[in-house]
Amino acid sequence: MNIALSWNDVERLTQGRLGKTVRSVCPFCSNSRSTINQRKTVFAVKLKEPDFAVFNCAHCGESGYVHPERSSQVIDLVERQKQRSEAEKREREDRQQRTAAALQL
């Protein structure tokens, strides 16, 4: 999507409340939903640090993070899953090597 969540949006939604998840209508998909569903609070924003927030929409799946000095960064879920799979594979291989080395002792 071409819409970005700004730091001003995060400040407006969270009102500076650290650690609290705030629910709202989704700025990414609410306009494209049916009238009855446009006001559903499917969008969650959490201010994790004074200068770092994460967001996620339960309807359209948009998720990412925001810093004050730049707009939101949307997380590519396919790429993230690929990175996790590769990390898990490396971890399994490392564990097997450590086990083999320990058995040789």
C-alpha atoms as a PDB file:
ATOM      1  CA  MET A   1       0.000   0.000   0.000  1.00  0.00           C
ATOM      2  CA  ASN A   2       1.111   3.567  -0.572  1.00  0.00           C
ATOM      3  CA  ILE A   3      -0.143   4.922   2.732  1.00  0.00           C
ATOM      4  CA  ALA A   4       2.392   5.381   5.511  1.00  0.00           C
ATOM      5  CA  LEU A   5       1.799   5.752   9.214  1.00  0.00           C
ATOM      6  CA  SER A   6       3.507   8.896  10.478  1.00  0.00           C
ATOM      7  CA  TRP A   7       4.967   9.540  13.914  1.00  0.00           C
ATOM      8  CA  ASN A   8       2.277  12.210  14.397  1.00  0.00           C
ATOM      9  CA  ASP A   9      -0.370   9.507  13.856  1.00  0.00           C
ATOM     10  CA  VAL A  10       1.327   7.322  16.476  1.00  0.00           C
ATOM     11  CA  GLU A  11       1.475  10.189  18.977  1.00  0.00           C
ATOM     12  CA  ARG A  12      -2.181  11.040  18.357  1.00  0.00           C
ATOM     13  CA  LEU A  13      -3.310   7.429  18.817  1.00  0.00           C
ATOM     14  CA  THR A  14      -1.127   6.430  21.778  1.00  0.00           C
ATOM     15  CA  GLN A  15      -1.083   9.824  23.524  1.00  0.00           C
ATOM     16  CA  GLY A  16       2.415   8.942  24.733  1.00  0.00           C
ATOM     17  CA  ARG A  17       1.289   5.896  26.744  1.00  0.00           C
ATOM     18  CA  LEU A  18       4.278   3.565  26.698  1.00  0.00           C
ATOM     19  CA  GLY A  19       3.601  -0.176  26.537  1.00  0.00           C
ATOM     20  CA  LYS A  20      -0.150   0.158  26.053  1.00  0.00           C
ATOM     21  CA  THR A  21      -1.732  -1.261  22.906  1.00  0.00           C
ATOM     22  CA  VAL A  22      -4.223   1.166  21.396  1.00  0.00           C
ATOM     23  CA  ARG A  23      -6.886   0.000  18.948  1.00  0.00           C
ATOM     24  CA  SER A  24      -8.268   2.173  16.169  1.00  0.00           C
ATOM     25  CA  VAL A  25      -9.728   2.042  12.678  1.00  0.00           C
ATOM     26  CA  CYS A  26      -7.131   1.039  10.112  1.00  0.00           C
ATOM     27  CA  PRO A  27      -5.671   3.901   8.055  1.00  0.00           C
ATOM     28  CA  PHE A  28      -4.710   1.348   5.391  1.00  0.00           C
ATOM     29  CA  CYS A  29      -7.962  -0.538   4.733  1.00  0.00           C
ATOM     30  CA  SER A  30     -10.926   1.083   6.527  1.00  0.00           C
ATOM     31  CA  ASN A  31     -11.867   3.293   3.564  1.00  0.00           C
ATOM     32  CA  SER A  32     -12.168   0.273   1.274  1.00  0.00           C
ATOM     33  CA  ARG A  33     -14.390  -1.714   3.657  1.00  0.00           C
ATOM     34  CA  SER A  34     -18.187  -1.724   3.724  1.00  0.00           C
ATOM     35  CA  THR A  35     -19.798   1.151   5.614  1.00  0.00           C
ATOM     36  CA  ILE A  36     -20.752  -1.033   8.564  1.00  0.00           C
ATOM     37  CA  ASN A  37     -17.165  -2.296   8.940  1.00  0.00           C
ATOM     38  CA  GLN A  38     -15.320   0.990   8.408  1.00  0.00           C
ATOM     39  CA  ARG A  39     -15.482   1.875  12.103  1.00  0.00           C
ATOM     40  CA  LYS A  40     -14.273  -1.453  13.458  1.00  0.00           C
ATOM     41  CA  THR A  41     -11.115  -1.082  15.517  1.00  0.00           C
ATOM     42  CA  VAL A  42      -8.966  -3.694  13.810  1.00  0.00           C
ATOM     43  CA  PHE A  43      -5.751  -1.634  13.866  1.00  0.00           C
ATOM     44  CA  ALA A  44      -3.398  -1.882  16.845  1.00  0.00           C
ATOM     45  CA  VAL A  45      -0.509   0.454  17.708  1.00  0.00           C
ATOM     46  CA  LYS A  46       1.888  -0.034  20.600  1.00  0.00           C
ATOM     47  CA  LEU A  47       4.451   2.517  21.734  1.00  0.00           C
ATOM     48  CA  LYS A  48       7.282   0.210  22.795  1.00  0.00           C
ATOM     49  CA  GLU A  49       9.862   2.948  23.453  1.00  0.00           C
ATOM     50  CA  PRO A  50       9.524   6.742  23.512  1.00  0.00           C
ATOM     51  CA  ASP A  51      10.845   6.762  19.935  1.00  0.00           C
ATOM     52  CA  PHE A  52       9.664   3.392  18.574  1.00  0.00           C
ATOM     53  CA  ALA A  53       6.190   2.014  17.864  1.00  0.00           C
ATOM     54  CA  VAL A  54       4.848  -1.122  16.182  1.00  0.00           C
ATOM     55  CA  PHE A  55       1.528  -1.527  14.379  1.00  0.00           C
ATOM     56  CA  ASN A  56      -0.653  -4.287  12.944  1.00  0.00           C
ATOM     57  CA  CYS A  57      -4.055  -4.552  11.257  1.00  0.00           C
ATOM     58  CA  ALA A  58      -6.066  -7.694  11.974  1.00  0.00           C
ATOM     59  CA  HIS A  59      -8.046  -7.206   8.756  1.00  0.00           C
ATOM     60  CA  CYS A  60      -5.597  -6.332   5.960  1.00  0.00           C
ATOM     61  CA  GLY A  61      -2.442  -7.656   7.658  1.00  0.00           C
ATOM     62  CA  GLU A  62      -0.414  -4.455   7.317  1.00  0.00           C
ATOM     63  CA  SER A  63       2.216  -4.397  10.023  1.00  0.00           C
ATOM     64  CA  GLY A  64       5.460  -2.629  10.690  1.00  0.00           C
ATOM     65  CA  TYR A  65       7.193  -0.080  12.859  1.00  0.00           C
ATOM     66  CA  VAL A  66       7.606   3.685  13.086  1.00  0.00           C
ATOM     67  CA  HIS A  67      10.386   6.003  14.294  1.00  0.00           C
ATOM     68  CA  PRO A  68       9.949   9.773  14.765  1.00  0.00           C
ATOM     69  CA  GLU A  69      12.507  10.681  12.106  1.00  0.00           C
ATOM     70  CA  ARG A  70      10.934   8.623   9.313  1.00  0.00           C
ATOM     71  CA  SER A  71       7.588   7.187   8.248  1.00  0.00           C
ATOM     72  CA  SER A  72       6.445   3.660   8.813  1.00  0.00           C
ATOM     73  CA  GLN A  73       8.319   0.676   7.526  1.00  0.00           C
ATOM     74  CA  VAL A  74       6.046  -2.158   6.428  1.00  0.00           C
ATOM     75  CA  ILE A  75       7.318  -5.624   7.163  1.00  0.00           C
ATOM     76  CA  ASP A  76       7.349  -8.040   4.226  1.00  0.00           C
ATOM     77  CA  LEU A  77       5.903 -11.184   5.833  1.00  0.00           C
ATOM     78  CA  VAL A  78       7.144 -13.507   3.087  1.00  0.00           C
ATOM     79  CA  GLU A  79      10.704 -12.185   3.406  1.00  0.00           C
ATOM     80  CA  ARG A  80      10.488 -12.346   7.218  1.00  0.00           C
ATOM     81  CA  GLN A  81       9.369 -16.010   7.067  1.00  0.00           C
ATOM     82  CA  LYS A  82      12.219 -16.801   4.657  1.00  0.00           C
ATOM     83  CA  GLN A  83      14.724 -15.177   7.055  1.00  0.00           C
ATOM     84  CA  ARG A  84      13.278 -17.139  10.001  1.00  0.00           C
ATOM     85  CA  SER A  85      13.496 -20.410   8.066  1.00  0.00           C
ATOM     86  CA  GLU A  86      17.116 -19.739   7.151  1.00  0.00           C
ATOM     87  CA  ALA A  87      17.966 -18.832  10.756  1.00  0.00           C
ATOM     88  CA  GLU A  88      16.277 -21.999  12.046  1.00  0.00           C
ATOM     89  CA  LYS A  89      18.215 -24.088   9.506  1.00  0.00           C
ATOM     90  CA  ARG A  90      21.522 -22.517  10.599  1.00  0.00           C
ATOM     91  CA  GLU A  91      20.601 -23.095  14.246  1.00  0.00           C
ATOM     92  CA  ARG A  92      19.828 -26.804  13.587  1.00  0.00           C
ATOM     93  CA  GLU A  93      23.129 -27.256  11.722  1.00  0.00           C
ATOM     94  CA  ASP A  94      25.063 -25.512  14.505  1.00  0.00           C
ATOM     95  CA  ARG A  95      23.337 -27.647  17.155  1.00  0.00           C
ATOM     96  CA  GLN A  96      24.193 -30.819  15.211  1.00  0.00           C
ATOM     97  CA  GLN A  97      27.849 -29.773  14.941  1.00  0.00           C
ATOM     98  CA  ARG A  98      28.055 -29.002  18.657  1.00  0.00           C
ATOM     99  CA  THR A  99      26.424 -32.327  19.506  1.00  0.00           C
ATOM    100  CA  ALA A 100      28.829 -34.222  17.235  1.00  0.00           C
ATOM    101  CA  ALA A 101      31.812 -32.402  18.788  1.00  0.00           C
ATOM    102  CA  ALA A 102      30.543 -33.157  22.303  1.00  0.00           C
ATOM    103  CA  LEU A 103      30.091 -36.852  21.481  1.00  0.00           C
ATOM    104  CA  GLN A 104      33.693 -37.045  20.296  1.00  0.00           C
ATOM    105  CA  LEU A 105      34.930 -35.982  23.718  1.00  0.00           C
END
